Amino acid sequence: MGGAVHGAHLIEMRGITKYYGKGEALVRALDGIDVTIDDGEFVAVMGSSGSGKSTCMNILGALDTPTGGEYLFKGVNVARLSRDQQALLRREYIGFVFQSFNLLPRTSALENVELPLVYRGVHRRQRRQRAMEMLDLVGLSDRAHHTPAELSGGQQQRVAIARALATDPSVLFADEPTGNLDSKRSAEVLDFLADLNRQQGITIVMVTHEPELAEWAKRVLWFSDGRLVKDGTPAEVAA
């Protein structure tokens, strides 16, 4: 990304606001958010429904633009990027994992993981090798040729994580990544994400509404009524 500032925070939000509607109908979805996130952090973003956590995540992922304030990614002001440059930012630097796994149903795990590399124009042999490496990383190389229907929910989410990591992103954004899983599979996925963060140094920002899942993170950002009201370790925020 041209113009990235060496030594800057990975993510910096300065006075970020997001307003919807006008007059009496004005909704302050985000009301002056200041936060920095550095390389290698594992951050859980929490708060009740309507607290602003999902709006914040959409801005961080360059899926939405703020009403005011500055969002800097690697020192670059995202608001000053063109729509094409923002799309490039998402493709080159950001990995997304969602509650619904968003896997192509009639396609093998390997081909699902290859997909973002197809969009990048990576040569077939290279992208196949990279996809196998990522499936190996998530412990599913023996399931490479299985379709999503032949995998458990936890395995499907690990395929989705492998796909998100295939492009070697600077940050992985996970939005309620265990929302469709039972508690055993949830723990499996969270344990895996924590391992990725610890052993590979991958930066993870995860939206969750479940305190027991946030305990896997090293830091919790707690939102309420569009404001960031707590920022600390899981134990500090829970106190």
Protein backbone atom coordinates (compact mmCIF):
# COMPACT_ATOMS: atom_id res chain seq x y z
CA MET A 1 0.00 0.00 0.00
CA GLY A 2 1.73 3.12 -1.23
CA GLY A 3 2.30 5.79 1.39
CA ALA A 4 2.16 3.45 4.40
CA VAL A 5 3.98 5.05 7.32
CA HIS A 6 6.75 2.97 8.83
CA GLY A 7 6.39 2.54 12.59
CA ALA A 8 2.74 3.68 12.65
CA HIS A 9 0.04 1.78 14.53
CA LEU A 10 -1.60 -0.91 12.41
CA ILE A 11 -5.00 0.67 13.12
CA GLU A 12 -5.77 4.11 14.50
CA MET A 13 -9.20 5.69 14.91
CA ARG A 14 -9.30 9.37 15.84
CA GLY A 15 -12.64 10.87 16.84
CA ILE A 16 -14.61 8.50 14.61
CA THR A 17 -18.33 9.25 14.33
CA LYS A 18 -21.07 7.52 12.35
CA TYR A 19 -24.49 9.14 12.28
CA TYR A 20 -27.69 7.96 10.60
CA GLY A 21 -30.79 10.06 9.98
CA LYS A 22 -31.36 13.72 10.90
CA GLY A 23 -33.00 15.91 13.53
CA GLU A 24 -35.11 13.97 16.01
CA ALA A 25 -34.39 10.74 14.13
CA LEU A 26 -30.59 11.15 14.42
CA VAL A 27 -28.86 7.96 15.56
CA ARG A 28 -25.27 8.23 16.80
CA ALA A 29 -24.07 4.72 15.91
CA LEU A 30 -20.50 5.81 16.80
CA ASP A 31 -19.93 8.94 18.84
CA GLY A 32 -16.27 9.92 18.97
CA ILE A 33 -14.16 6.73 19.01
CA ASP A 34 -10.43 6.89 19.71
CA VAL A 35 -8.56 3.60 19.60
CA THR A 36 -5.27 2.14 18.38
CA ILE A 37 -4.51 -1.51 17.60
CA ASP A 38 -0.97 -2.74 16.97
CA ASP A 39 0.50 -5.68 15.06
CA GLY A 40 0.13 -8.99 16.88
CA GLU A 41 -2.80 -8.06 19.12
CA PHE A 42 -5.86 -10.26 19.68
CA VAL A 43 -8.73 -7.88 20.41
CA ALA A 44 -12.36 -8.74 21.18
CA VAL A 45 -14.95 -6.06 20.36
CA MET A 46 -17.97 -6.36 22.66
CA GLY A 47 -21.23 -4.67 23.56
CA SER A 48 -24.96 -5.27 23.46
CA SER A 49 -26.98 -5.15 20.24
CA GLY A 50 -26.97 -1.58 18.90
CA SER A 51 -23.87 -0.60 20.89
CA GLY A 52 -21.85 0.29 17.78
CA LYS A 53 -19.53 -2.71 17.69
CA SER A 54 -20.65 -3.91 14.24
CA THR A 55 -20.55 -0.37 12.81
CA CYS A 56 -17.01 -0.04 14.14
CA MET A 57 -16.03 -3.36 12.54
CA ASN A 58 -17.49 -2.30 9.17
CA ILE A 59 -15.43 0.91 9.24
CA LEU A 60 -12.28 -0.97 10.27
CA GLY A 61 -12.82 -3.38 7.36
CA ALA A 62 -13.31 -0.48 4.90
CA LEU A 63 -16.85 -1.75 4.26
CA ASP A 64 -18.36 1.53 5.50
CA THR A 65 -17.15 5.12 5.83
CA PRO A 66 -17.37 7.26 8.98
CA THR A 67 -19.34 10.51 9.17
CA GLY A 68 -16.38 12.23 10.83
CA GLY A 69 -12.94 11.63 12.28
CA GLU A 70 -9.97 9.80 10.80
CA TYR A 71 -9.35 6.09 10.29
CA LEU A 72 -5.70 5.31 9.61
CA PHE A 73 -4.58 1.86 8.42
CA LYS A 74 -0.80 1.48 8.56
CA GLY A 75 -0.64 5.27 8.77
CA VAL A 76 -2.75 5.82 5.63
CA ASN A 77 -6.02 7.78 5.91
CA VAL A 78 -8.59 5.34 4.51
CA ALA A 79 -11.14 8.10 3.80
CA ARG A 80 -8.73 9.65 1.29
CA LEU A 81 -8.50 6.42 -0.71
CA SER A 82 -10.64 6.03 -3.83
CA ARG A 83 -13.25 3.27 -3.95
CA ASP A 84 -10.85 1.14 -6.02
CA GLN A 85 -8.03 1.73 -3.53
CA GLN A 86 -10.32 0.75 -0.65
CA ALA A 87 -11.23 -2.46 -2.52
CA LEU A 88 -7.50 -3.08 -2.98
CA LEU A 89 -6.94 -2.48 0.75
CA ARG A 90 -9.56 -5.11 1.59
CA ARG A 91 -8.15 -7.58 -0.91
CA GLU A 92 -4.46 -7.18 -0.09
CA TYR A 93 -4.34 -6.39 3.63
CA ILE A 94 -7.53 -7.64 5.31
CA GLY A 95 -8.93 -11.12 5.93
CA PHE A 96 -12.60 -11.55 6.86
CA VAL A 97 -14.28 -14.40 8.72
CA PHE A 98 -18.05 -14.25 9.20
CA GLN A 99 -20.67 -16.03 11.29
CA SER A 100 -21.98 -17.79 8.17
CA PHE A 101 -18.97 -19.52 6.69
CA ASN A 102 -19.72 -18.25 3.14
CA LEU A 103 -18.14 -21.29 1.50
CA LEU A 104 -19.10 -22.29 -2.04
CA PRO A 105 -21.22 -25.43 -1.45
CA ARG A 106 -20.30 -27.58 -4.45
CA THR A 107 -16.62 -26.72 -4.31
CA SER A 108 -13.87 -28.54 -2.40
CA ALA A 109 -12.20 -27.07 0.68
CA LEU A 110 -9.03 -26.61 -1.39
CA GLU A 111 -10.84 -24.66 -4.14
CA ASN A 112 -12.62 -22.51 -1.55
CA VAL A 113 -9.27 -21.52 -0.02
CA GLU A 114 -7.84 -20.82 -3.49
CA LEU A 115 -10.61 -18.37 -4.37
CA PRO A 116 -9.01 -15.07 -3.17
CA LEU A 117 -5.80 -16.07 -4.96
CA VAL A 118 -7.78 -16.55 -8.20
CA TYR A 119 -8.93 -12.91 -7.88
CA ARG A 120 -5.31 -11.89 -7.46
CA GLY A 121 -4.32 -13.68 -10.65
CA VAL A 122 -1.93 -16.08 -8.88
CA HIS A 123 -0.74 -18.92 -11.12
CA ARG A 124 -2.69 -22.18 -10.62
CA ARG A 125 0.23 -24.23 -9.30
CA GLN A 126 1.28 -21.50 -6.85
CA ARG A 127 -2.22 -20.90 -5.54
CA ARG A 128 -2.83 -24.65 -5.11
CA GLN A 129 0.39 -24.92 -3.10
CA ARG A 130 -0.53 -21.89 -0.94
CA ALA A 131 -4.06 -23.23 -0.36
CA MET A 132 -2.66 -26.61 0.75
CA GLU A 133 -0.26 -24.82 3.12
CA MET A 134 -3.20 -22.93 4.66
CA LEU A 135 -5.31 -26.09 5.03
CA ASP A 136 -2.31 -27.73 6.69
CA LEU A 137 -2.04 -24.72 9.04
CA VAL A 138 -5.68 -25.17 10.12
CA GLY A 139 -5.23 -28.95 10.44
CA LEU A 140 -7.42 -29.91 7.48
CA SER A 141 -5.01 -30.98 4.74
CA ASP A 142 -6.61 -34.46 4.85
CA ARG A 143 -10.00 -32.85 4.05
CA ALA A 144 -8.77 -30.81 1.06
CA HIS A 145 -11.05 -32.55 -1.43
CA HIS A 146 -14.18 -32.62 0.74
CA THR A 147 -17.08 -30.24 0.05
CA PRO A 148 -18.51 -28.12 2.91
CA ALA A 149 -21.42 -30.58 3.31
CA GLU A 150 -18.87 -33.28 4.18
CA LEU A 151 -17.31 -31.17 6.96
CA SER A 152 -18.48 -30.31 10.48
CA GLY A 153 -19.37 -26.70 11.32
CA GLY A 154 -16.06 -26.23 13.12
CA GLN A 155 -14.16 -27.63 10.14
CA GLN A 156 -16.09 -25.35 7.75
CA GLN A 157 -15.14 -22.32 9.84
CA ARG A 158 -11.50 -23.43 9.82
CA VAL A 159 -11.67 -23.64 6.00
CA ALA A 160 -13.08 -20.09 6.01
CA ILE A 161 -10.17 -18.99 8.24
CA ALA A 162 -7.67 -20.69 5.89
CA ARG A 163 -9.25 -18.81 2.98
CA ALA A 164 -8.99 -15.50 4.86
CA LEU A 165 -5.30 -16.18 5.59
CA ALA A 166 -4.40 -17.29 2.04
CA THR A 167 -3.52 -13.73 0.98
CA ASP A 168 -1.29 -13.22 4.06
CA PRO A 169 -3.36 -10.28 5.41
CA SER A 170 -2.12 -7.75 7.98
CA VAL A 171 -5.23 -8.32 10.10
CA LEU A 172 -7.99 -10.90 10.41
CA PHE A 173 -11.45 -9.46 11.20
CA ALA A 174 -13.78 -12.10 12.66
CA ASP A 175 -17.44 -11.10 13.05
CA GLU A 176 -19.21 -13.47 15.50
CA PRO A 177 -17.07 -16.32 14.07
CA THR A 178 -18.68 -18.97 16.28
CA GLY A 179 -22.28 -17.71 16.06
CA ASN A 180 -23.45 -20.80 14.15
CA LEU A 181 -21.49 -23.34 16.22
CA ASP A 182 -22.23 -25.32 19.37
CA SER A 183 -20.10 -24.68 22.46
CA LYS A 184 -17.63 -27.53 21.74
CA ARG A 185 -17.01 -26.35 18.15
CA SER A 186 -16.86 -22.72 19.35
CA ALA A 187 -14.06 -23.59 21.76
CA GLU A 188 -12.26 -25.47 18.97
CA VAL A 189 -12.34 -22.43 16.66
CA LEU A 190 -11.38 -19.94 19.40
CA ASP A 191 -8.54 -22.17 20.58
CA PHE A 192 -7.33 -22.26 17.01
CA LEU A 193 -7.55 -18.45 16.58
CA ALA A 194 -5.63 -17.94 19.84
CA ASP A 195 -2.94 -20.36 18.58
CA LEU A 196 -2.70 -18.48 15.28
CA ASN A 197 -2.25 -15.24 17.16
CA ARG A 198 0.30 -16.66 19.58
CA GLN A 199 2.39 -18.76 17.19
CA GLN A 200 2.03 -16.91 13.86
CA GLY A 201 1.70 -13.38 15.30
CA ILE A 202 -1.47 -12.78 13.25
CA THR A 203 -3.44 -9.70 14.37
CA ILE A 204 -7.05 -10.63 15.14
CA VAL A 205 -10.01 -8.32 15.82
CA MET A 206 -13.13 -10.29 16.75
CA VAL A 207 -16.69 -9.10 17.35
CA THR A 208 -18.51 -11.22 19.92
CA HIS A 209 -21.34 -10.76 22.41
CA GLU A 210 -20.28 -13.73 24.54
CA PRO A 211 -17.98 -12.96 27.52
CA GLU A 212 -16.61 -16.53 27.64
CA LEU A 213 -15.37 -16.17 24.05
CA ALA A 214 -13.80 -12.77 24.75
CA GLU A 215 -11.64 -14.45 27.41
CA TRP A 216 -9.54 -15.96 24.60
CA ALA A 217 -8.51 -12.45 23.53
CA LYS A 218 -5.73 -10.43 25.20
CA ARG A 219 -7.69 -7.17 25.09
CA VAL A 220 -11.37 -6.22 25.09
CA LEU A 221 -12.99 -3.08 23.66
CA TRP A 222 -16.46 -2.62 25.17
CA PHE A 223 -18.98 -0.45 23.33
CA SER A 224 -22.17 1.09 24.74
CA ASP A 225 -24.49 3.55 22.96
CA GLY A 226 -21.92 4.35 20.29
CA ARG A 227 -19.10 5.02 22.73
CA LEU A 228 -16.04 3.03 23.74
CA VAL A 229 -16.56 2.71 27.49
CA LYS A 230 -13.95 0.10 28.49
CA ASP A 231 -10.58 -0.92 27.06
CA GLY A 232 -8.48 -3.47 28.90
CA THR A 233 -7.77 -7.16 29.52
CA PRO A 234 -10.80 -9.51 29.70
CA ALA A 235 -10.47 -9.58 33.50
CA GLU A 236 -10.30 -5.77 33.76
CA VAL A 237 -13.32 -5.26 31.51
CA ALA A 238 -15.35 -7.94 33.32
CA ALA A 239 -14.61 -6.38 36.74
